[in-house]
C-alpha cells in the first residue's frame, strides 16, 4: 500500500513539474514578443545620442564648434564626425556655438561659452573648427589624461606648420581648461587666439601632446573645406588691436566672458542630433573697441 502511494506521489510530482515548465516557457515567449519601451529622456545623454551602453565607463566628449554663417560646411561636418567617432566608440555630442550679434567673430569667447554650457555633463571638450575633417582613423579623440591633445598637429595640418601651433582641433579636459582660465576674450576678428592659448598652457606647466605613429601628411590627414575666395577671413586690425593681441592676456578669460544666450535648438542633420546655441557676445568698447572695425574707405584716384 505504501509503495502504491509513493509511486502515485512521484507521478503527480512529475506531471506538476512538466506543467510548470510548460507554463514558464509559454510566458517567456509571450513576454519576449512584447515591444520594449524606453524612456529616452531618462537615459544618459551619450546613449540618447546613439552610443552603446558599454561605452558608459568612458569619459564624455563635448565637441564645441565656434560658428557663424558656415552652413554648407556644417552639413558636411556633422555626418563626417558621427561616422569617424562611431569607429572609436566614444560618447560624444556636437554643440554648435553660433554667434548672432553684430560684432566681429570671436572664436575664443565662443569656446568659453561652449565650455560653460557643457562642463556639467561632459568631462572634456574638443575645440573644433567646422571646416577641418579628420581622415586618418589613427587620430584618436580619447580622453586626454596626460594633458591637452592637439589632433591637428603642425606635421599634418594642411596650412599651419609652426611648432607652437595648436589651432584647428584641440582636446582638453575640463580641469585643465579651468586651470588656465579658459581663453582670452580680446580676439575679435581672425587669428592669434590659439597662439595666446598656447602661452597660457605653457605658463601653467601643461605639455601639449600630439598624435603619434601617424603615417599620413599634410595632404591626406585632414580635409580642409574652407574656400578663401568665397569666405574671406576678417584680418583687419584697428585701434590698438595689433599691440594688445600680441601680448599675453592676464586679465580676461573664462571668468568674465560676457554673453547672452538667445535660445538653443535640438537639430538633426541627416537624422543625426546636434545642439545649436545662439549666442550674443557683449563687447566692452572701452577695452576692446576693435570688436567692431569699420571697412577702410576707398578713395577715388584723381586723374
C-alpha atoms as a PDB file:
ATOM      1  CA  UNK A   1       0.000   0.000   0.000  1.00  0.00           C
ATOM      2  CA  UNK A   2       2.809   2.410   0.968  1.00  0.00           C
ATOM      3  CA  UNK A   3       4.598   1.562  -2.287  1.00  0.00           C
ATOM      4  CA  UNK A   4       1.495   2.459  -4.339  1.00  0.00           C
ATOM      5  CA  UNK A   5       1.160   5.812  -2.544  1.00  0.00           C
ATOM      6  CA  UNK A   6       4.831   6.604  -3.187  1.00  0.00           C
ATOM      7  CA  UNK A   7       4.525   5.764  -6.881  1.00  0.00           C
ATOM      8  CA  UNK A   8       1.408   7.925  -7.201  1.00  0.00           C
ATOM      9  CA  UNK A   9       3.201  10.836  -5.465  1.00  0.00           C
ATOM     10  CA  UNK A  10       6.168  10.562  -7.847  1.00  0.00           C
ATOM     11  CA  UNK A  11       3.900  10.545 -10.909  1.00  0.00           C
ATOM     12  CA  UNK A  12       1.950  13.531  -9.592  1.00  0.00           C
ATOM     13  CA  UNK A  13       5.162  15.484  -8.872  1.00  0.00           C
ATOM     14  CA  UNK A  14       6.494  14.698 -12.331  1.00  0.00           C
ATOM     15  CA  UNK A  15       3.304  15.953 -14.005  1.00  0.00           C
ATOM     16  CA  UNK A  16       3.342  19.133 -11.882  1.00  0.00           C
ATOM     17  CA  UNK A  17       6.944  19.842 -12.833  1.00  0.00           C
ATOM     18  CA  UNK A  18       6.147  19.321 -16.518  1.00  0.00           C
ATOM     19  CA  UNK A  19       3.146  21.651 -16.330  1.00  0.00           C
ATOM     20  CA  UNK A  20       5.193  24.347 -14.510  1.00  0.00           C
ATOM     21  CA  UNK A  21       7.986  24.196 -17.088  1.00  0.00           C
ATOM     22  CA  UNK A  22       5.424  24.410 -19.886  1.00  0.00           C
ATOM     23  CA  UNK A  23       3.723  27.445 -18.376  1.00  0.00           C
ATOM     24  CA  UNK A  24       7.094  29.159 -17.780  1.00  0.00           C
ATOM     25  CA  UNK A  25       8.109  28.573 -21.414  1.00  0.00           C
ATOM     26  CA  UNK A  26       4.810  29.961 -22.743  1.00  0.00           C
ATOM     27  CA  UNK A  27       5.019  33.077 -20.502  1.00  0.00           C
ATOM     28  CA  UNK A  28       8.635  33.655 -21.525  1.00  0.00           C
ATOM     29  CA  UNK A  29       7.703  33.530 -25.227  1.00  0.00           C
ATOM     30  CA  UNK A  30       4.824  35.938 -24.609  1.00  0.00           C
ATOM     31  CA  UNK A  31       6.997  38.468 -22.766  1.00  0.00           C
ATOM     32  CA  UNK A  32       9.719  38.258 -25.411  1.00  0.00           C
ATOM     33  CA  UNK A  33       7.189  39.170 -28.085  1.00  0.00           C
ATOM     34  CA  UNK A  34       6.204  42.428 -26.359  1.00  0.00           C
ATOM     35  CA  UNK A  35       7.775  45.688 -27.684  1.00  0.00           C
ATOM     36  CA  UNK A  36      10.460  47.190 -25.436  1.00  0.00           C
ATOM     37  CA  UNK A  37       9.624  50.756 -24.358  1.00  0.00           C
ATOM     38  CA  UNK A  38      12.490  53.091 -23.437  1.00  0.00           C
ATOM     39  CA  UNK A  39      12.223  56.418 -21.652  1.00  0.00           C
ATOM     40  CA  UNK A  40      14.857  58.245 -23.686  1.00  0.00           C
ATOM     41  CA  UNK A  41      14.721  61.408 -21.620  1.00  0.00           C
ATOM     42  CA  UNK A  42      15.726  59.387 -18.553  1.00  0.00           C
ATOM     43  CA  UNK A  43      18.766  57.897 -20.244  1.00  0.00           C
ATOM     44  CA  UNK A  44      22.263  59.409 -20.031  1.00  0.00           C
ATOM     45  CA  UNK A  45      22.980  61.715 -22.965  1.00  0.00           C
ATOM     46  CA  UNK A  46      25.632  59.542 -24.624  1.00  0.00           C
ATOM     47  CA  UNK A  47      23.092  56.713 -25.028  1.00  0.00           C
ATOM     48  CA  UNK A  48      20.464  59.083 -26.346  1.00  0.00           C
ATOM     49  CA  UNK A  49      22.961  60.262 -28.936  1.00  0.00           C
ATOM     50  CA  UNK A  50      23.476  56.783 -30.320  1.00  0.00           C
ATOM     51  CA  UNK A  51      26.363  55.477 -28.195  1.00  0.00           C
ATOM     52  CA  UNK A  52      26.183  51.901 -26.904  1.00  0.00           C
ATOM     53  CA  UNK A  53      25.799  51.150 -23.197  1.00  0.00           C
ATOM     54  CA  UNK A  54      29.228  49.510 -22.960  1.00  0.00           C
ATOM     55  CA  UNK A  55      30.934  52.881 -23.528  1.00  0.00           C
ATOM     56  CA  UNK A  56      29.461  54.405 -20.376  1.00  0.00           C
ATOM     57  CA  UNK A  57      32.699  53.842 -18.468  1.00  0.00           C
ATOM     58  CA  UNK A  58      34.395  56.186 -20.924  1.00  0.00           C
ATOM     59  CA  UNK A  59      34.603  59.934 -20.458  1.00  0.00           C
ATOM     60  CA  UNK A  60      32.037  62.064 -22.261  1.00  0.00           C
ATOM     61  CA  UNK A  61      33.253  64.377 -25.027  1.00  0.00           C
ATOM     62  CA  UNK A  62      31.642  67.709 -25.956  1.00  0.00           C
ATOM     63  CA  UNK A  63      32.636  68.815 -29.447  1.00  0.00           C
ATOM     64  CA  UNK A  64      32.483  72.611 -29.225  1.00  0.00           C
ATOM     65  CA  UNK A  65      32.295  74.296 -32.627  1.00  0.00           C
ATOM     66  CA  UNK A  66      32.547  78.120 -32.770  1.00  0.00           C
ATOM     67  CA  UNK A  67      30.321  79.068 -35.664  1.00  0.00           C
ATOM     68  CA  UNK A  68      28.918  81.786 -37.875  1.00  0.00           C
ATOM     69  CA  UNK A  69      27.439  81.541 -41.375  1.00  0.00           C
ATOM     70  CA  UNK A  70      29.086  78.232 -42.295  1.00  0.00           C
ATOM     71  CA  UNK A  71      26.006  76.168 -43.077  1.00  0.00           C
ATOM     72  CA  UNK A  72      27.480  74.333 -46.089  1.00  0.00           C
ATOM     73  CA  UNK A  73      30.463  73.211 -44.020  1.00  0.00           C
ATOM     74  CA  UNK A  74      28.185  72.150 -41.170  1.00  0.00           C
ATOM     75  CA  UNK A  75      26.174  69.869 -43.456  1.00  0.00           C
ATOM     76  CA  UNK A  76      29.381  68.002 -44.254  1.00  0.00           C
ATOM     77  CA  UNK A  77      30.905  68.214 -40.771  1.00  0.00           C
ATOM     78  CA  UNK A  78      28.146  66.516 -38.768  1.00  0.00           C
ATOM     79  CA  UNK A  79      27.769  63.261 -40.766  1.00  0.00           C
ATOM     80  CA  UNK A  80      31.543  63.000 -41.124  1.00  0.00           C
ATOM     81  CA  UNK A  81      32.210  63.334 -37.384  1.00  0.00           C
ATOM     82  CA  UNK A  82      29.480  60.847 -36.470  1.00  0.00           C
ATOM     83  CA  UNK A  83      30.928  58.289 -38.854  1.00  0.00           C
ATOM     84  CA  UNK A  84      34.510  58.974 -37.739  1.00  0.00           C
ATOM     85  CA  UNK A  85      33.883  58.812 -33.982  1.00  0.00           C
ATOM     86  CA  UNK A  86      31.498  55.860 -34.180  1.00  0.00           C
ATOM     87  CA  UNK A  87      34.527  53.722 -35.072  1.00  0.00           C
ATOM     88  CA  UNK A  88      36.203  54.822 -31.838  1.00  0.00           C
ATOM     89  CA  UNK A  89      33.143  54.115 -29.673  1.00  0.00           C
ATOM     90  CA  UNK A  90      33.430  57.464 -27.904  1.00  0.00           C
ATOM     91  CA  UNK A  91      30.410  59.017 -26.093  1.00  0.00           C
ATOM     92  CA  UNK A  92      30.091  62.484 -27.635  1.00  0.00           C
ATOM     93  CA  UNK A  93      27.745  65.240 -28.677  1.00  0.00           C
ATOM     94  CA  UNK A  94      28.229  68.184 -31.045  1.00  0.00           C
ATOM     95  CA  UNK A  95      27.493  71.716 -29.803  1.00  0.00           C
ATOM     96  CA  UNK A  96      27.379  74.488 -32.388  1.00  0.00           C
ATOM     97  CA  UNK A  97      28.069  77.810 -30.626  1.00  0.00           C
ATOM     98  CA  UNK A  98      26.651  80.285 -33.110  1.00  0.00           C
ATOM     99  CA  UNK A  99      27.485  83.985 -32.795  1.00  0.00           C
ATOM    100  CA  UNK A 100      24.354  86.028 -33.512  1.00  0.00           C
ATOM    101  CA  UNK A 101      25.404  89.600 -32.687  1.00  0.00           C
ATOM    102  CA  UNK A 102      26.794  92.318 -34.968  1.00  0.00           C
ATOM    103  CA  UNK A 103      30.314  92.206 -33.568  1.00  0.00           C
ATOM    104  CA  UNK A 104      33.264  90.668 -35.344  1.00  0.00           C
ATOM    105  CA  UNK A 105      33.670  86.916 -34.947  1.00  0.00           C
ATOM    106  CA  UNK A 106      35.283  85.904 -31.643  1.00  0.00           C
ATOM    107  CA  UNK A 107      36.279  82.247 -31.747  1.00  0.00           C
ATOM    108  CA  UNK A 108      37.845  82.175 -28.277  1.00  0.00           C
ATOM    109  CA  UNK A 109      34.868  83.716 -26.483  1.00  0.00           C
ATOM    110  CA  UNK A 110      32.513  81.285 -28.209  1.00  0.00           C
ATOM    111  CA  UNK A 111      34.651  78.375 -26.994  1.00  0.00           C
ATOM    112  CA  UNK A 112      34.479  79.808 -23.464  1.00  0.00           C
ATOM    113  CA  UNK A 113      30.676  79.912 -23.746  1.00  0.00           C
ATOM    114  CA  UNK A 114      30.583  76.357 -25.090  1.00  0.00           C
ATOM    115  CA  UNK A 115      32.713  75.117 -22.204  1.00  0.00           C
ATOM    116  CA  UNK A 116      30.494  76.785 -19.591  1.00  0.00           C
ATOM    117  CA  UNK A 117      27.405  75.303 -21.251  1.00  0.00           C
ATOM    118  CA  UNK A 118      28.735  71.735 -21.347  1.00  0.00           C
ATOM    119  CA  UNK A 119      31.017  71.355 -18.326  1.00  0.00           C
ATOM    120  CA  UNK A 120      28.340  69.913 -16.037  1.00  0.00           C
ATOM    121  CA  UNK A 121      27.686  66.832 -18.182  1.00  0.00           C
ATOM    122  CA  UNK A 122      30.948  66.399 -20.108  1.00  0.00           C
ATOM    123  CA  UNK A 123      34.464  65.525 -18.995  1.00  0.00           C
ATOM    124  CA  UNK A 124      36.433  67.113 -21.825  1.00  0.00           C
ATOM    125  CA  UNK A 125      35.935  69.252 -24.887  1.00  0.00           C
ATOM    126  CA  UNK A 126      37.222  69.291 -28.428  1.00  0.00           C
ATOM    127  CA  UNK A 127      37.811  72.852 -29.591  1.00  0.00           C
ATOM    128  CA  UNK A 128      36.937  72.025 -33.197  1.00  0.00           C
ATOM    129  CA  UNK A 129      36.894  74.071 -36.409  1.00  0.00           C
ATOM    130  CA  UNK A 130      33.904  73.233 -38.593  1.00  0.00           C
ATOM    131  CA  UNK A 131      35.988  73.187 -41.777  1.00  0.00           C
ATOM    132  CA  UNK A 132      38.609  70.643 -40.663  1.00  0.00           C
ATOM    133  CA  UNK A 133      37.627  66.977 -41.080  1.00  0.00           C
ATOM    134  CA  UNK A 134      39.881  64.165 -39.795  1.00  0.00           C
ATOM    135  CA  UNK A 135      40.586  61.400 -42.319  1.00  0.00           C
ATOM    136  CA  UNK A 136      43.140  59.176 -40.578  1.00  0.00           C
ATOM    137  CA  UNK A 137      41.483  56.656 -38.220  1.00  0.00           C
ATOM    138  CA  UNK A 138      44.585  56.713 -36.014  1.00  0.00           C
ATOM    139  CA  UNK A 139      43.652  60.200 -34.841  1.00  0.00           C
ATOM    140  CA  UNK A 140      42.126  59.229 -31.500  1.00  0.00           C
ATOM    141  CA  UNK A 141      39.661  61.537 -29.726  1.00  0.00           C
ATOM    142  CA  UNK A 142      40.079  59.752 -26.406  1.00  0.00           C
ATOM    143  CA  UNK A 143      40.212  61.470 -23.013  1.00  0.00           C
ATOM    144  CA  UNK A 144      43.480  63.477 -22.805  1.00  0.00           C
ATOM    145  CA  UNK A 145      44.530  62.245 -19.384  1.00  0.00           C
ATOM    146  CA  UNK A 146      48.169  63.362 -19.684  1.00  0.00           C
ATOM    147  CA  UNK A 147      47.449  66.856 -20.949  1.00  0.00           C
ATOM    148  CA  UNK A 148      45.956  68.763 -23.895  1.00  0.00           C
ATOM    149  CA  UNK A 149      45.976  66.729 -27.116  1.00  0.00           C
ATOM    150  CA  UNK A 150      46.437  68.651 -30.343  1.00  0.00           C
ATOM    151  CA  UNK A 151      44.836  66.476 -33.017  1.00  0.00           C
ATOM    152  CA  UNK A 152      45.717  68.729 -35.981  1.00  0.00           C
ATOM    153  CA  UNK A 153      49.468  68.860 -35.391  1.00  0.00           C
ATOM    154  CA  UNK A 154      51.835  71.088 -37.402  1.00  0.00           C
ATOM    155  CA  UNK A 155      53.135  67.948 -39.134  1.00  0.00           C
ATOM    156  CA  UNK A 156      49.700  67.088 -40.537  1.00  0.00           C
ATOM    157  CA  UNK A 157      47.646  70.295 -40.719  1.00  0.00           C
ATOM    158  CA  UNK A 158      47.039  71.391 -44.328  1.00  0.00           C
ATOM    159  CA  UNK A 159      48.142  75.007 -43.719  1.00  0.00           C
ATOM    160  CA  UNK A 160      49.964  75.750 -40.461  1.00  0.00           C
ATOM    161  CA  UNK A 161      53.265  74.110 -39.585  1.00  0.00           C
ATOM    162  CA  UNK A 162      54.997  76.116 -36.827  1.00  0.00           C
ATOM    163  CA  UNK A 163      55.893  74.272 -33.624  1.00  0.00           C
ATOM    164  CA  UNK A 164      53.619  76.205 -31.243  1.00  0.00           C
ATOM    165  CA  UNK A 165      50.529  75.932 -33.424  1.00  0.00           C
ATOM    166  CA  UNK A 166      47.555  74.438 -31.521  1.00  0.00           C
ATOM    167  CA  UNK A 167      44.630  75.578 -33.698  1.00  0.00           C
ATOM    168  CA  UNK A 168      42.149  73.507 -35.654  1.00  0.00           C
ATOM    169  CA  UNK A 169      41.340  70.663 -33.249  1.00  0.00           C
ATOM    170  CA  UNK A 170      42.457  70.598 -29.603  1.00  0.00           C
ATOM    171  CA  UNK A 171      41.208  68.199 -26.917  1.00  0.00           C
ATOM    172  CA  UNK A 172      41.418  69.367 -23.301  1.00  0.00           C
ATOM    173  CA  UNK A 173      39.864  68.069 -20.115  1.00  0.00           C
ATOM    174  CA  UNK A 174      37.754  70.492 -18.113  1.00  0.00           C
ATOM    175  CA  UNK A 175      40.144  70.644 -15.151  1.00  0.00           C
ATOM    176  CA  UNK A 176      42.939  71.908 -17.403  1.00  0.00           C
ATOM    177  CA  UNK A 177      40.688  74.386 -19.224  1.00  0.00           C
ATOM    178  CA  UNK A 178      39.630  75.848 -15.886  1.00  0.00           C
ATOM    179  CA  UNK A 179      43.232  75.818 -14.632  1.00  0.00           C
ATOM    180  CA  UNK A 180      44.297  78.255 -17.376  1.00  0.00           C
ATOM    181  CA  UNK A 181      41.066  80.294 -17.007  1.00  0.00           C
ATOM    182  CA  UNK A 182      39.885  79.415 -20.477  1.00  0.00           C
ATOM    183  CA  UNK A 183      40.717  81.556 -23.478  1.00  0.00           C
ATOM    184  CA  UNK A 184      41.257  85.292 -23.870  1.00  0.00           C
ATOM    185  CA  UNK A 185      38.207  87.362 -24.831  1.00  0.00           C
ATOM    186  CA  UNK A 186      40.255  90.052 -26.591  1.00  0.00           C
ATOM    187  CA  UNK A 187      40.426  88.407 -30.016  1.00  0.00           C
ATOM    188  CA  UNK A 188      37.768  89.862 -32.302  1.00  0.00           C
ATOM    189  CA  UNK A 189      38.381  89.031 -35.937  1.00  0.00           C
ATOM    190  CA  UNK A 190      40.559  86.259 -37.275  1.00  0.00           C
ATOM    191  CA  UNK A 191      43.732  84.827 -35.785  1.00  0.00           C
ATOM    192  CA  UNK A 192      46.141  84.689 -32.814  1.00  0.00           C
ATOM    193  CA  UNK A 193      43.687  83.488 -30.129  1.00  0.00           C
ATOM    194  CA  UNK A 194      45.091  79.950 -30.274  1.00  0.00           C
ATOM    195  CA  UNK A 195      48.678  81.255 -30.046  1.00  0.00           C
ATOM    196  CA  UNK A 196      47.761  83.140 -26.860  1.00  0.00           C
ATOM    197  CA  UNK A 197      46.119  79.990 -25.514  1.00  0.00           C
ATOM    198  CA  UNK A 198      49.332  78.043 -26.138  1.00  0.00           C
ATOM    199  CA  UNK A 199      51.171  80.503 -23.878  1.00  0.00           C
ATOM    200  CA  UNK A 200      48.525  80.004 -21.186  1.00  0.00           C
ATOM    201  CA  UNK A 201      49.049  76.250 -21.316  1.00  0.00           C
ATOM    202  CA  UNK A 202      52.825  76.622 -21.224  1.00  0.00           C
ATOM    203  CA  UNK A 203      52.744  79.053 -18.290  1.00  0.00           C
ATOM    204  CA  UNK A 204      50.543  76.595 -16.365  1.00  0.00           C
ATOM    205  CA  UNK A 205      53.131  73.849 -16.874  1.00  0.00           C
ATOM    206  CA  UNK A 206      50.911  71.828 -19.223  1.00  0.00           C
ATOM    207  CA  UNK A 207      52.531  69.929 -22.071  1.00  0.00           C
ATOM    208  CA  UNK A 208      50.672  69.794 -25.363  1.00  0.00           C
ATOM    209  CA  UNK A 209      50.667  66.246 -26.749  1.00  0.00           C
ATOM    210  CA  UNK A 210      50.194  65.240 -30.365  1.00  0.00           C
ATOM    211  CA  UNK A 211      49.146  62.002 -32.084  1.00  0.00           C
ATOM    212  CA  UNK A 212      51.946  59.501 -32.631  1.00  0.00           C
ATOM    213  CA  UNK A 213      52.583  56.979 -35.398  1.00  0.00           C
ATOM    214  CA  UNK A 214      50.576  58.932 -37.970  1.00  0.00           C
ATOM    215  CA  UNK A 215      51.708  57.778 -41.417  1.00  0.00           C
ATOM    216  CA  UNK A 216      49.841  60.464 -43.366  1.00  0.00           C
ATOM    217  CA  UNK A 217      50.937  64.016 -44.048  1.00  0.00           C
ATOM    218  CA  UNK A 218      49.662  67.491 -44.795  1.00  0.00           C
ATOM    219  CA  UNK A 219      47.820  66.389 -47.926  1.00  0.00           C
ATOM    220  CA  UNK A 220      45.797  63.448 -46.651  1.00  0.00           C
ATOM    221  CA  UNK A 221      45.389  63.585 -42.846  1.00  0.00           C
ATOM    222  CA  UNK A 222      42.568  66.116 -42.948  1.00  0.00           C
ATOM    223  CA  UNK A 223      40.095  67.533 -45.387  1.00  0.00           C
ATOM    224  CA  UNK A 224      40.062  71.314 -45.236  1.00  0.00           C
ATOM    225  CA  UNK A 225      36.820  72.608 -46.711  1.00  0.00           C
ATOM    226  CA  UNK A 226      37.403  76.332 -46.308  1.00  0.00           C
ATOM    227  CA  UNK A 227      37.217  78.324 -49.539  1.00  0.00           C
ATOM    228  CA  UNK A 228      39.161  81.568 -49.088  1.00  0.00           C
ATOM    229  CA  UNK A 229      37.747  83.108 -52.255  1.00  0.00           C
ATOM    230  CA  UNK A 230      34.195  82.516 -51.026  1.00  0.00           C
ATOM    231  CA  UNK A 231      34.731  83.252 -47.326  1.00  0.00           C
ATOM    232  CA  UNK A 232      37.400  85.859 -46.756  1.00  0.00           C
ATOM    233  CA  UNK A 233      38.980  85.947 -43.326  1.00  0.00           C
ATOM    234  CA  UNK A 234      38.499  89.094 -41.255  1.00  0.00           C
ATOM    235  CA  UNK A 235      42.144  90.045 -40.748  1.00  0.00           C
ATOM    236  CA  UNK A 236      41.594  93.788 -40.275  1.00  0.00           C
ATOM    237  CA  UNK A 237      43.442  95.497 -37.429  1.00  0.00           C
ATOM    238  CA  UNK A 238      42.056  98.730 -35.985  1.00  0.00           C
ATOM    239  CA  UNK A 239      42.571 100.963 -32.950  1.00  0.00           C
ATOM    240  CA  UNK A 240      45.375  99.415 -30.845  1.00  0.00           C
ATOM    241  CA  UNK A 241      44.341  95.826 -31.614  1.00  0.00           C
ATOM    242  CA  UNK A 242      47.681  94.747 -33.038  1.00  0.00           C
ATOM    243  CA  UNK A 243      49.605  95.917 -29.985  1.00  0.00           C
ATOM    244  CA  UNK A 244      47.237  94.350 -27.415  1.00  0.00           C
ATOM    245  CA  UNK A 245      46.728  90.987 -29.100  1.00  0.00           C
ATOM    246  CA  UNK A 246      50.466  90.389 -29.488  1.00  0.00           C
ATOM    247  CA  UNK A 247      50.809  90.196 -25.707  1.00  0.00           C
ATOM    248  CA  UNK A 248      49.801  87.537 -23.192  1.00  0.00           C
ATOM    249  CA  UNK A 249      46.364  88.369 -21.745  1.00  0.00           C
ATOM    250  CA  UNK A 250      46.479  88.014 -17.957  1.00  0.00           C
ATOM    251  CA  UNK A 251      43.112  89.673 -17.336  1.00  0.00           C
ATOM    252  CA  UNK A 252      40.284  88.124 -19.353  1.00  0.00           C
ATOM    253  CA  UNK A 253      39.140  84.554 -19.688  1.00  0.00           C
ATOM    254  CA  UNK A 254      36.508  82.051 -18.687  1.00  0.00           C
ATOM    255  CA  UNK A 255      35.518  84.040 -15.596  1.00  0.00           C
ATOM    256  CA  UNK A 256      34.499  87.225 -17.407  1.00  0.00           C
ATOM    257  CA  UNK A 257      33.271  86.245 -20.861  1.00  0.00           C
ATOM    258  CA  UNK A 258      30.242  88.481 -21.397  1.00  0.00           C
ATOM    259  CA  UNK A 259      27.348  86.976 -23.340  1.00  0.00           C
ATOM    260  CA  UNK A 260      23.666  86.231 -23.573  1.00  0.00           C
ATOM    261  CA  UNK A 261      22.122  83.012 -24.897  1.00  0.00           C
ATOM    262  CA  UNK A 262      19.201  83.872 -27.150  1.00  0.00           C
ATOM    263  CA  UNK A 263      17.976  80.291 -27.472  1.00  0.00           C
ATOM    264  CA  UNK A 264      19.035  76.705 -28.003  1.00  0.00           C
ATOM    265  CA  UNK A 265      17.780  74.237 -30.573  1.00  0.00           C
ATOM    266  CA  UNK A 266      17.985  70.473 -30.881  1.00  0.00           C
ATOM    267  CA  UNK A 267      18.621  69.960 -34.576  1.00  0.00           C
ATOM    268  CA  UNK A 268      19.195  66.894 -36.750  1.00  0.00           C
ATOM    269  CA  UNK A 269      21.317  66.734 -39.881  1.00  0.00           C
ATOM    270  CA  UNK A 270      20.781  63.529 -41.826  1.00  0.00           C
ATOM    271  CA  UNK A 271      18.900  62.284 -38.723  1.00  0.00           C
ATOM    272  CA  UNK A 272      21.984  62.936 -36.552  1.00  0.00           C
ATOM    273  CA  UNK A 273      21.367  65.084 -33.449  1.00  0.00           C
ATOM    274  CA  UNK A 274      23.299  68.228 -32.589  1.00  0.00           C
ATOM    275  CA  UNK A 275      22.639  71.202 -30.315  1.00  0.00           C
ATOM    276  CA  UNK A 276      22.755  74.763 -31.660  1.00  0.00           C
ATOM    277  CA  UNK A 277      23.281  77.519 -29.092  1.00  0.00           C
ATOM    278  CA  UNK A 278      22.617  81.031 -30.375  1.00  0.00           C
ATOM    279  CA  UNK A 279      24.853  83.453 -28.507  1.00  0.00           C
ATOM    280  CA  UNK A 280      25.195  87.218 -28.377  1.00  0.00           C
ATOM    281  CA  UNK A 281      28.660  88.269 -27.268  1.00  0.00           C
ATOM    282  CA  UNK A 282      28.759  91.580 -25.399  1.00  0.00           C
ATOM    283  CA  UNK A 283      31.662  93.863 -26.209  1.00  0.00           C
ATOM    284  CA  UNK A 284      33.171  96.410 -23.842  1.00  0.00           C
ATOM    285  CA  UNK A 285      34.207  99.005 -26.398  1.00  0.00           C
ATOM    286  CA  UNK A 286      36.292 100.860 -23.851  1.00  0.00           C
ATOM    287  CA  UNK A 287      38.551  97.809 -23.513  1.00  0.00           C
ATOM    288  CA  UNK A 288      38.325  96.254 -26.994  1.00  0.00           C
ATOM    289  CA  UNK A 289      36.975  98.866 -29.418  1.00  0.00           C
ATOM    290  CA  UNK A 290      38.109  96.627 -32.286  1.00  0.00           C
ATOM    291  CA  UNK A 291      35.115  94.327 -31.747  1.00  0.00           C
ATOM    292  CA  UNK A 292      33.623  96.492 -34.484  1.00  0.00           C
ATOM    293  CA  UNK A 293      36.044  97.621 -37.142  1.00  0.00           C
ATOM    294  CA  UNK A 294      34.906  99.808 -39.992  1.00  0.00           C
ATOM    295  CA  UNK A 295      35.781  98.851 -43.517  1.00  0.00           C
ATOM    296  CA  UNK A 296      38.537 101.077 -44.905  1.00  0.00           C
ATOM    297  CA  UNK A 297      37.185 103.893 -47.033  1.00  0.00           C
ATOM    298  CA  UNK A 298      38.142 103.533 -50.646  1.00  0.00           C
ATOM    299  CA  UNK A 299      39.198 106.838 -52.176  1.00  0.00           C
ATOM    300  CA  UNK A 300      38.969 107.567 -55.833  1.00  0.00           C
ATOM    301  CA  UNK A 301      42.183 108.278 -57.606  1.00  0.00           C
ATOM    302  CA  UNK A 302      42.464 111.804 -59.007  1.00  0.00           C
ATOM    303  CA  UNK A 303      43.202 111.754 -62.686  1.00  0.00           C
END
